[in-house]
N, C-alpha and C. Protein backbone atom coordinates (compact mmCIF):
# COMPACT_ATOMS: atom_id res chain seq x y z
N UNK A 1 10.93 2.05 -8.00
CA UNK A 1 9.77 1.51 -8.97
C UNK A 1 9.33 2.65 -9.50
N UNK A 2 8.86 2.74 -10.37
CA UNK A 2 7.85 3.11 -11.07
C UNK A 2 6.79 2.48 -10.76
N UNK A 3 5.60 3.33 -10.24
CA UNK A 3 4.25 3.37 -10.20
C UNK A 3 3.28 3.49 -11.87
N UNK A 4 2.87 2.68 -11.94
CA UNK A 4 1.73 3.04 -12.97
C UNK A 4 0.33 2.57 -12.65
N UNK A 5 -0.98 3.58 -12.84
CA UNK A 5 -2.02 3.07 -13.04
C UNK A 5 -2.50 1.91 -13.30
N UNK A 6 -3.65 1.45 -12.58
CA UNK A 6 -3.55 -0.04 -13.13
C UNK A 6 -4.12 -0.05 -13.93
N UNK A 7 -4.89 1.35 -14.68
CA UNK A 7 -5.86 0.91 -16.44
C UNK A 7 -4.63 1.56 -17.03
N UNK A 8 -3.54 1.26 -16.77
CA UNK A 8 -2.47 2.00 -17.83
C UNK A 8 -0.74 0.24 -18.52
N UNK A 9 -2.10 -1.15 -17.61
CA UNK A 9 -1.00 -1.93 -18.13
C UNK A 9 -0.08 -2.36 -19.50
N UNK A 10 -1.19 -2.08 -20.25
CA UNK A 10 -0.55 -1.83 -21.33
C UNK A 10 0.59 -0.77 -22.39
N UNK A 11 0.58 -0.05 -20.82
CA UNK A 11 1.99 0.67 -21.17
C UNK A 11 3.21 0.35 -20.64
N UNK A 12 3.18 -1.13 -19.80
CA UNK A 12 3.84 -1.38 -19.04
C UNK A 12 5.14 -1.98 -19.42
N UNK A 13 5.12 -2.71 -20.84
CA UNK A 13 6.80 -3.07 -21.11
C UNK A 13 6.83 -2.36 -22.13
N UNK A 14 6.71 -1.72 -22.66
CA UNK A 14 7.24 0.19 -22.76
C UNK A 14 8.02 1.06 -22.09
N UNK A 15 7.33 1.28 -20.88
CA UNK A 15 8.47 1.83 -19.63
C UNK A 15 9.06 0.37 -19.57
N UNK A 16 9.00 -0.08 -19.38
CA UNK A 16 9.80 -1.62 -18.35
C UNK A 16 10.94 -0.99 -19.21
N UNK A 17 11.21 -1.47 -20.77
CA UNK A 17 11.68 -1.64 -21.93
C UNK A 17 12.70 -0.30 -21.59
N UNK A 18 11.80 0.91 -21.32
CA UNK A 18 13.01 2.37 -21.29
C UNK A 18 13.96 2.76 -20.05
N UNK A 19 13.54 2.42 -19.14
CA UNK A 19 14.27 1.80 -17.81
C UNK A 19 15.13 1.47 -17.23
N UNK A 20 16.32 1.76 -16.94
CA UNK A 20 17.70 0.82 -16.41
C UNK A 20 17.69 0.15 -15.40
N UNK A 21 18.35 -1.16 -15.86
CA UNK A 21 17.37 -1.96 -14.34
C UNK A 21 17.32 -2.20 -12.88
N UNK A 22 17.92 -0.47 -13.17
CA UNK A 22 17.99 -0.73 -11.59
C UNK A 22 16.19 -0.33 -11.13
N UNK A 23 15.22 -0.38 -11.89
CA UNK A 23 14.05 0.30 -11.61
C UNK A 23 13.47 -0.85 -12.10
N UNK A 24 12.15 -1.13 -10.75
CA UNK A 24 11.18 -2.33 -10.54
C UNK A 24 9.30 -1.45 -10.87
N UNK A 25 8.88 -2.71 -11.34
CA UNK A 25 7.51 -1.63 -12.47
C UNK A 25 6.64 -2.14 -11.13
N UNK A 26 5.37 -0.65 -10.71
CA UNK A 26 5.00 -1.44 -9.66
C UNK A 26 3.19 -0.95 -10.26
N UNK A 27 2.18 -1.63 -9.86
CA UNK A 27 0.64 -1.08 -10.38
C UNK A 27 0.16 -0.89 -8.67
N UNK A 28 -0.85 0.11 -8.89
CA UNK A 28 -1.73 0.76 -7.87
C UNK A 28 -2.81 -0.10 -7.36
N UNK A 29 -2.69 -1.06 -7.39
CA UNK A 29 -4.03 -2.34 -6.90
C UNK A 29 -3.80 -3.78 -7.16
N UNK A 30 -4.17 -4.71 -6.72
CA UNK A 30 -4.35 -6.26 -7.29
C UNK A 30 -5.47 -6.42 -6.56
N UNK A 31 -6.04 -7.80 -7.53
CA UNK A 31 -7.21 -8.30 -6.29
C UNK A 31 -6.77 -9.38 -4.99
N UNK A 32 -7.39 -10.17 -4.12
CA UNK A 32 -7.11 -10.39 -3.03
C UNK A 32 -7.17 -11.82 -3.36
N UNK A 33 -7.40 -12.73 -4.76
CA UNK A 33 -6.91 -14.34 -4.98
C UNK A 33 -6.93 -14.00 -6.59
N UNK A 34 -6.30 -15.37 -6.74
CA UNK A 34 -6.52 -16.23 -8.16
C UNK A 34 -7.24 -15.28 -8.56
N UNK A 35 -6.70 -15.15 -9.92
CA UNK A 35 -7.58 -14.13 -11.41
C UNK A 35 -9.19 -15.33 -11.17
N UNK A 36 -10.22 -14.56 -11.99
CA UNK A 36 -11.15 -15.13 -12.25
C UNK A 36 -11.98 -13.87 -13.25
N UNK A 37 -13.27 -14.07 -12.84
CA UNK A 37 -14.13 -12.92 -13.45
C UNK A 37 -14.15 -12.53 -12.87
N UNK A 38 -13.61 -10.71 -12.67
CA UNK A 38 -13.26 -9.41 -12.18
C UNK A 38 -13.57 -8.49 -12.83
N UNK A 39 -14.02 -8.38 -13.46
CA UNK A 39 -14.75 -7.26 -14.02
C UNK A 39 -14.05 -6.07 -13.75
N UNK A 40 -12.58 -5.39 -14.04
CA UNK A 40 -12.04 -4.00 -13.87
C UNK A 40 -10.98 -4.03 -12.95
N UNK A 41 -10.97 -5.46 -12.04
CA UNK A 41 -9.68 -5.91 -10.90
C UNK A 41 -8.86 -6.35 -11.81
N UNK A 42 -7.46 -6.22 -11.81
CA UNK A 42 -6.17 -7.10 -11.91
C UNK A 42 -5.71 -8.02 -10.57
N UNK A 43 -5.62 -9.71 -11.28
CA UNK A 43 -5.30 -10.28 -10.84
C UNK A 43 -3.67 -10.32 -10.77
N UNK A 44 -3.03 -10.64 -9.56
CA UNK A 44 -1.77 -10.73 -9.37
C UNK A 44 -1.00 -11.66 -10.31
N UNK A 45 -1.20 -12.85 -10.66
CA UNK A 45 -1.58 -13.44 -11.90
C UNK A 45 -1.32 -12.62 -13.01
N UNK A 46 -2.00 -11.79 -13.45
CA UNK A 46 -1.41 -10.49 -14.72
C UNK A 46 -0.25 -9.60 -14.61
N UNK A 47 -0.39 -9.25 -13.33
CA UNK A 47 1.35 -8.32 -12.67
C UNK A 47 2.42 -9.45 -13.22
N UNK A 48 1.82 -10.72 -12.77
CA UNK A 48 3.82 -11.35 -12.80
C UNK A 48 3.90 -12.01 -13.91
N UNK A 49 2.52 -11.53 -15.02
CA UNK A 49 2.78 -12.17 -16.45
C UNK A 49 3.62 -11.01 -17.06
N UNK A 50 3.52 -9.67 -16.94
CA UNK A 50 4.26 -8.24 -17.31
C UNK A 50 5.30 -8.14 -16.43
N UNK A 51 6.04 -8.88 -15.09
CA UNK A 51 6.93 -8.77 -15.09
C UNK A 51 6.76 -7.82 -13.97
N UNK A 52 5.65 -7.44 -13.32
CA UNK A 52 4.96 -6.04 -12.34
C UNK A 52 5.96 -7.01 -11.08
N UNK A 53 6.96 -6.28 -10.34
CA UNK A 53 7.45 -6.87 -8.95
C UNK A 53 6.90 -6.26 -7.61
N UNK A 54 5.96 -5.19 -8.06
CA UNK A 54 5.37 -4.48 -6.76
C UNK A 54 4.32 -4.35 -7.14
N UNK A 55 3.16 -4.04 -5.85
CA UNK A 55 2.49 -3.87 -6.31
C UNK A 55 1.65 -2.67 -4.83
N UNK A 56 0.53 -1.59 -5.37
CA UNK A 56 0.53 -0.64 -4.24
C UNK A 56 -0.75 -0.90 -3.58
N UNK A 57 -0.46 -0.77 -2.11
CA UNK A 57 -2.33 -1.43 -1.43
C UNK A 57 -2.88 -0.25 -0.84
N UNK A 58 -3.71 -0.29 -0.22
CA UNK A 58 -4.33 0.25 0.64
C UNK A 58 -4.36 2.44 0.36
N UNK A 59 -3.73 2.49 -0.95
CA UNK A 59 -4.56 4.25 -0.93
C UNK A 59 -5.35 4.49 -0.78
N UNK A 60 -5.24 6.75 -0.85
CA UNK A 60 -6.03 6.56 0.29
C UNK A 60 -7.41 6.57 -0.86
N UNK A 61 -7.48 6.55 -2.24
CA UNK A 61 -8.37 6.30 -2.94
C UNK A 61 -9.15 5.63 -2.79
N UNK A 62 -8.05 3.94 -2.24
CA UNK A 62 -9.31 2.79 -2.67
C UNK A 62 -9.86 2.58 -1.00
N UNK A 63 -9.22 3.58 -0.23
CA UNK A 63 -9.95 3.80 1.18
C UNK A 63 -10.97 4.52 1.02
N UNK A 64 -11.20 5.82 0.36
CA UNK A 64 -11.99 6.57 1.08
C UNK A 64 -13.19 6.62 -0.40
N UNK A 65 -12.74 6.93 -1.15
CA UNK A 65 -14.05 6.66 -2.29
C UNK A 65 -13.66 5.27 -2.41
N UNK A 66 -13.14 4.55 -2.54
CA UNK A 66 -14.32 3.09 -3.18
C UNK A 66 -14.24 2.17 -2.04
N UNK A 67 -13.76 2.52 -0.94
CA UNK A 67 -14.66 1.93 0.03
C UNK A 67 -13.84 0.23 0.70
N UNK A 68 -12.94 0.30 0.07
CA UNK A 68 -11.78 -0.76 0.80
C UNK A 68 -11.61 -0.41 2.02
N UNK A 69 -11.97 -1.40 2.57
CA UNK A 69 -11.32 -1.53 4.60
C UNK A 69 -10.17 -1.69 5.08
N UNK A 70 -9.31 -2.13 6.42
CA UNK A 70 -8.63 -2.47 6.38
C UNK A 70 -8.12 -3.76 6.20
N UNK A 71 -9.43 -4.53 6.67
CA UNK A 71 -9.19 -6.08 6.50
C UNK A 71 -9.31 -6.26 4.50
N UNK A 72 -10.08 -6.07 4.53
CA UNK A 72 -10.29 -6.24 2.76
C UNK A 72 -8.36 -6.58 2.15
N UNK A 73 -8.45 -4.95 2.29
CA UNK A 73 -6.34 -4.66 2.10
C UNK A 73 -5.50 -5.23 2.42
N UNK A 74 -5.78 -5.75 3.38
CA UNK A 74 -4.23 -7.09 4.53
C UNK A 74 -4.49 -8.63 3.38
N UNK A 75 -5.89 -8.61 2.86
CA UNK A 75 -6.06 -9.58 2.76
C UNK A 75 -5.36 -9.76 1.63
N UNK A 76 -5.26 -9.09 0.06
CA UNK A 76 -4.56 -8.28 -0.63
C UNK A 76 -3.13 -8.84 -0.88
N UNK A 77 -2.65 -7.91 0.50
CA UNK A 77 -1.06 -7.90 1.16
C UNK A 77 -1.26 -9.49 1.20
N UNK A 78 -1.64 -10.34 1.82
CA UNK A 78 -1.52 -11.62 1.91
C UNK A 78 -1.16 -12.69 0.85
N UNK A 79 -2.22 -11.78 0.13
CA UNK A 79 -1.96 -12.43 -1.64
C UNK A 79 -0.99 -12.68 -2.25
N UNK A 80 -0.71 -10.81 -2.17
CA UNK A 80 0.56 -10.56 -3.24
C UNK A 80 1.60 -11.04 -2.33
N UNK A 81 1.87 -11.14 -1.86
CA UNK A 81 2.91 -11.23 -0.53
C UNK A 81 3.18 -13.18 -0.87
N UNK A 82 2.02 -13.77 -0.71
CA UNK A 82 2.02 -15.17 -1.25
C UNK A 82 2.37 -15.67 -2.96
N UNK A 83 2.15 -14.37 -3.21
CA UNK A 83 2.45 -14.87 -5.00
C UNK A 83 4.09 -14.12 -5.47
N UNK A 84 4.39 -13.93 -4.01
CA UNK A 84 5.92 -13.61 -4.47
C UNK A 84 5.98 -12.04 -5.36
N UNK A 85 5.30 -11.21 -5.19
CA UNK A 85 4.73 -9.81 -5.67
C UNK A 85 5.32 -9.17 -4.23
N UNK A 86 5.92 -7.94 -4.35
CA UNK A 86 6.04 -7.16 -3.38
C UNK A 86 5.14 -5.90 -3.04
N UNK A 87 4.84 -5.48 -1.47
CA UNK A 87 3.87 -5.06 -1.75
C UNK A 87 3.90 -3.23 -1.20
N UNK A 88 3.71 -2.01 -1.18
CA UNK A 88 3.81 -0.41 -0.68
C UNK A 88 2.55 -0.58 0.11
N UNK A 89 2.80 -0.65 1.38
CA UNK A 89 1.08 -0.59 1.90
C UNK A 89 0.94 0.64 2.56
N UNK A 90 -0.01 1.51 2.15
CA UNK A 90 0.31 2.97 2.43
C UNK A 90 -0.99 3.31 3.11
N UNK A 91 -0.22 3.73 4.82
CA UNK A 91 -1.44 4.20 5.35
C UNK A 91 -1.79 5.87 5.93
N UNK A 92 -2.27 6.25 6.41
CA UNK A 92 -2.63 7.48 6.73
C UNK A 92 -4.07 8.23 7.07
N UNK A 93 -3.34 9.19 8.33
CA UNK A 93 -5.15 9.44 8.68
C UNK A 93 -6.30 10.92 8.22
N UNK A 94 -6.68 11.07 7.62
CA UNK A 94 -7.99 11.90 7.50
C UNK A 94 -8.04 13.24 8.33
N UNK A 95 -7.92 14.85 7.51
CA UNK A 95 -8.19 15.90 7.95
C UNK A 95 -8.33 15.39 10.19
N UNK A 96 -9.85 15.04 9.87
CA UNK A 96 -10.79 15.24 11.34
C UNK A 96 -9.79 14.09 11.83
N UNK A 97 -8.63 13.30 11.17
CA UNK A 97 -8.35 12.28 12.50
C UNK A 97 -7.49 12.81 13.08
N UNK A 98 -6.27 13.54 12.16
CA UNK A 98 -5.39 14.50 12.58
C UNK A 98 -5.69 15.24 13.94
N UNK A 99 -6.62 15.92 13.38
CA UNK A 99 -7.43 17.38 14.54
C UNK A 99 -7.77 16.89 16.20
N UNK A 100 -8.22 15.60 15.57
CA UNK A 100 -8.86 14.62 17.06
C UNK A 100 -7.41 13.85 17.75
N UNK A 101 -6.44 13.72 17.25
CA UNK A 101 -5.06 13.10 17.33
C UNK A 101 -5.03 11.55 17.64
N UNK A 102 -5.73 11.24 16.86
CA UNK A 102 -6.14 10.17 16.48
C UNK A 102 -4.64 9.68 15.27
N UNK A 103 -3.97 10.47 14.93
CA UNK A 103 -3.54 9.51 13.77
C UNK A 103 -2.64 8.73 14.05
N UNK A 104 -1.70 8.55 15.38
CA UNK A 104 -1.57 7.24 15.27
C UNK A 104 -2.17 5.85 15.69
N UNK A 105 -3.83 5.92 16.14
CA UNK A 105 -4.39 4.71 16.54
C UNK A 105 -4.99 4.70 14.73
N UNK A 106 -5.64 4.99 14.14
CA UNK A 106 -5.53 5.05 12.84
C UNK A 106 -4.68 3.81 11.89
N UNK A 107 -3.08 4.78 12.23
CA UNK A 107 -2.13 3.77 11.61
C UNK A 107 -1.99 2.68 12.48
N UNK A 108 -2.09 3.22 13.45
CA UNK A 108 -2.45 1.15 13.94
C UNK A 108 -2.73 0.50 13.72
N UNK A 109 -4.20 0.44 13.51
CA UNK A 109 -4.90 0.10 12.81
C UNK A 109 -4.93 -0.72 11.40
N UNK A 110 -4.74 1.02 10.35
CA UNK A 110 -4.04 0.29 8.81
C UNK A 110 -3.02 -1.09 9.55
N UNK A 111 -2.25 -0.86 10.02
CA UNK A 111 -0.95 -1.37 10.24
C UNK A 111 -1.13 -2.88 10.74
N UNK A 112 -2.24 -3.16 11.93
CA UNK A 112 -2.56 -4.15 12.43
C UNK A 112 -2.71 -5.27 11.35
N UNK A 113 -3.96 -4.20 10.40
CA UNK A 113 -4.60 -5.16 9.52
C UNK A 113 -3.57 -6.08 9.14
N UNK A 114 -2.80 -5.31 8.39
CA UNK A 114 -2.05 -6.10 7.48
C UNK A 114 -0.57 -7.21 8.04
N UNK A 115 -0.72 -6.69 9.79
CA UNK A 115 0.40 -7.52 10.12
C UNK A 115 -0.24 -8.57 10.71
N UNK A 116 -1.74 -8.72 10.70
CA UNK A 116 -2.55 -10.21 11.60
C UNK A 116 -2.70 -10.84 9.51
N UNK A 117 -2.37 -10.50 8.85
CA UNK A 117 -2.78 -10.91 7.05
C UNK A 117 -1.08 -12.00 7.17
N UNK A 118 -0.12 -10.95 7.54
CA UNK A 118 0.93 -11.04 6.61
C UNK A 118 1.88 -12.02 7.11
N UNK A 119 2.99 -12.81 6.53
CA UNK A 119 3.86 -13.65 7.20
C UNK A 119 4.90 -12.95 7.74
N UNK A 120 4.99 -11.67 7.61
CA UNK A 120 6.14 -11.00 7.89
C UNK A 120 6.60 -9.83 6.82
N UNK A 121 7.23 -8.83 7.86
CA UNK A 121 7.27 -7.59 6.62
C UNK A 121 8.52 -7.64 5.94
N UNK A 122 8.79 -8.45 5.10
CA UNK A 122 8.97 -9.42 4.35
C UNK A 122 8.92 -8.83 3.00
N UNK A 123 9.49 -8.04 1.69
CA UNK A 123 8.45 -7.66 0.58
C UNK A 123 7.18 -6.38 0.57
N UNK A 124 7.27 -5.93 1.91
CA UNK A 124 7.04 -4.90 2.30
C UNK A 124 7.29 -3.58 2.77
N UNK A 125 7.34 -2.88 1.88
CA UNK A 125 7.78 -1.10 2.27
C UNK A 125 5.82 -0.36 2.61
N UNK A 126 6.28 0.13 3.50
CA UNK A 126 5.62 1.22 4.22
C UNK A 126 5.41 2.83 4.20
N UNK A 127 4.08 3.20 3.61
CA UNK A 127 4.32 4.46 2.87
C UNK A 127 3.23 5.29 3.39
N UNK A 128 4.04 6.17 4.26
CA UNK A 128 3.11 6.55 5.23
C UNK A 128 2.26 7.77 4.23
N UNK A 129 0.95 8.04 4.58
CA UNK A 129 0.57 9.06 3.54
C UNK A 129 -0.20 9.66 3.88
N UNK A 130 -0.92 11.19 4.62
CA UNK A 130 -0.96 11.73 5.50
C UNK A 130 -2.15 11.76 4.29
N UNK A 131 -3.42 11.85 4.43
CA UNK A 131 -4.26 11.97 3.48
C UNK A 131 -5.48 13.09 3.07
N UNK A 132 -5.07 13.91 4.52
CA UNK A 132 -5.61 15.53 4.06
C UNK A 132 -4.19 16.18 3.57
N UNK A 133 -2.83 15.75 2.93
CA UNK A 133 -1.78 16.10 2.01
C UNK A 133 -2.44 16.43 0.99
N UNK A 134 -3.02 15.34 0.54
CA UNK A 134 -3.47 15.26 -0.82
C UNK A 134 -4.22 15.51 -1.59
N UNK A 135 -3.69 16.40 -2.55
CA UNK A 135 -4.89 17.45 -3.32
C UNK A 135 -5.39 18.19 -2.28
N UNK A 136 -4.65 19.19 -1.72
CA UNK A 136 -5.48 19.60 -0.49
C UNK A 136 -5.03 21.56 -0.50
N UNK A 137 -3.31 20.86 -1.09
CA UNK A 137 -2.51 22.68 -0.86
C UNK A 137 -1.79 22.36 0.86
N UNK A 138 -2.66 21.33 1.43
CA UNK A 138 -1.91 21.45 2.75
C UNK A 138 -0.67 20.26 3.00
N UNK A 139 0.45 20.83 3.20
CA UNK A 139 1.26 19.96 3.34
C UNK A 139 2.16 19.13 4.17
N UNK A 140 1.89 17.85 4.51
CA UNK A 140 3.19 17.63 6.10
C UNK A 140 4.37 18.33 5.83
N UNK A 141 4.62 18.53 7.08
CA UNK A 141 5.84 19.46 7.67
C UNK A 141 6.98 17.96 7.51
N UNK A 142 8.17 18.01 7.74
CA UNK A 142 9.25 16.98 7.49
C UNK A 142 8.90 16.62 8.79
N UNK A 143 8.82 17.74 10.15
CA UNK A 143 8.43 16.48 11.94
C UNK A 143 7.40 16.15 11.97
N UNK A 144 5.65 16.98 11.20
CA UNK A 144 4.65 15.70 11.14
C UNK A 144 5.27 14.12 10.57
N UNK A 145 6.09 13.89 9.86
CA UNK A 145 6.44 12.82 9.26
C UNK A 145 7.49 11.80 9.85
N UNK A 146 8.31 12.76 10.13
CA UNK A 146 8.95 12.14 11.76
C UNK A 146 8.63 11.87 12.55
N UNK A 147 7.41 12.42 12.72
CA UNK A 147 6.84 11.93 14.15
C UNK A 147 6.37 10.55 13.92
N UNK A 148 5.47 10.42 13.09
CA UNK A 148 5.06 8.92 13.11
C UNK A 148 5.87 7.89 11.98
N UNK A 149 6.72 8.20 11.83
CA UNK A 149 7.86 7.54 10.74
C UNK A 149 8.54 6.82 11.92
N UNK A 150 8.59 7.99 13.73
CA UNK A 150 9.23 6.97 13.96
C UNK A 150 8.26 6.52 15.21
N UNK A 151 6.89 6.37 15.25
CA UNK A 151 5.86 5.35 15.30
C UNK A 151 5.73 4.30 14.63
N UNK A 152 5.87 4.03 13.49
CA UNK A 152 5.68 3.11 12.49
C UNK A 152 6.85 2.74 13.11
N UNK A 153 8.27 2.86 13.05
CA UNK A 153 9.05 1.97 13.01
C UNK A 153 9.16 1.22 14.46
N UNK A 154 8.91 1.60 15.28
CA UNK A 154 8.70 0.16 16.92
C UNK A 154 7.16 -0.01 16.77
N UNK A 155 5.93 -0.02 15.86
CA UNK A 155 5.02 -0.80 15.86
C UNK A 155 5.41 -2.13 14.63
N UNK A 156 6.41 -1.63 13.71
CA UNK A 156 6.76 -3.13 13.01
C UNK A 156 7.76 -3.78 13.31
N UNK A 157 8.67 -3.36 14.68
CA UNK A 157 9.89 -3.78 14.95
C UNK A 157 9.06 -5.31 15.86
N UNK A 158 7.33 -5.39 15.78
CA UNK A 158 6.60 -6.21 16.69
C UNK A 158 6.54 -7.09 15.17
N UNK A 159 5.70 -8.56 16.02
CA UNK A 159 5.46 -8.95 14.80
C UNK A 159 4.15 -8.75 14.09
N UNK A 160 3.74 -8.83 15.64
CA UNK A 160 2.11 -8.63 15.75
C UNK A 160 1.40 -7.51 15.98
N UNK A 161 2.18 -6.38 16.44
CA UNK A 161 2.02 -4.99 16.61
C UNK A 161 1.27 -5.14 17.98
N UNK A 162 1.21 -5.77 19.33
CA UNK A 162 0.65 -6.49 20.03
C UNK A 162 1.47 -5.37 21.19
N UNK A 163 2.46 -5.47 20.86
CA UNK A 163 3.62 -4.77 22.63
C UNK A 163 3.60 -3.22 22.43
N UNK A 164 2.51 -2.86 21.58
CA UNK A 164 2.61 -0.92 21.34
C UNK A 164 1.51 -1.30 22.19
């Protein structure tokens, strides 16, 4: 998958044509429903028109800079999936949440918002994105990432996440 910033939609055809068939195009955002007067937003329909197969939702900047909450991101995922667009759902904790021992609670809440809105995990890839390691010079160790991956696997094995 090749991800493009939302503002770069005009270049997707050029990028798509230069890639091997095994690559699919993604963008970093989409809207919660059918297109309309949504200045600055990208509709799923626009993405489908340019043969985009994936959308990345829940990225840290959308959550922490723009203020999108878990439920809003879940609605975006539900609509994208309903229109046959695949979703990469980004989840992860901030440094203060990790230091307070809340990594798994934060990831659970973020995943639950997806699970509450989507019919299944088909067409969904979960990306663990520790916010504390983005642009800070800090790096998540393989062990830290693996701890979270083990819990994510358990969480996604249950459709509603209520078994954890």
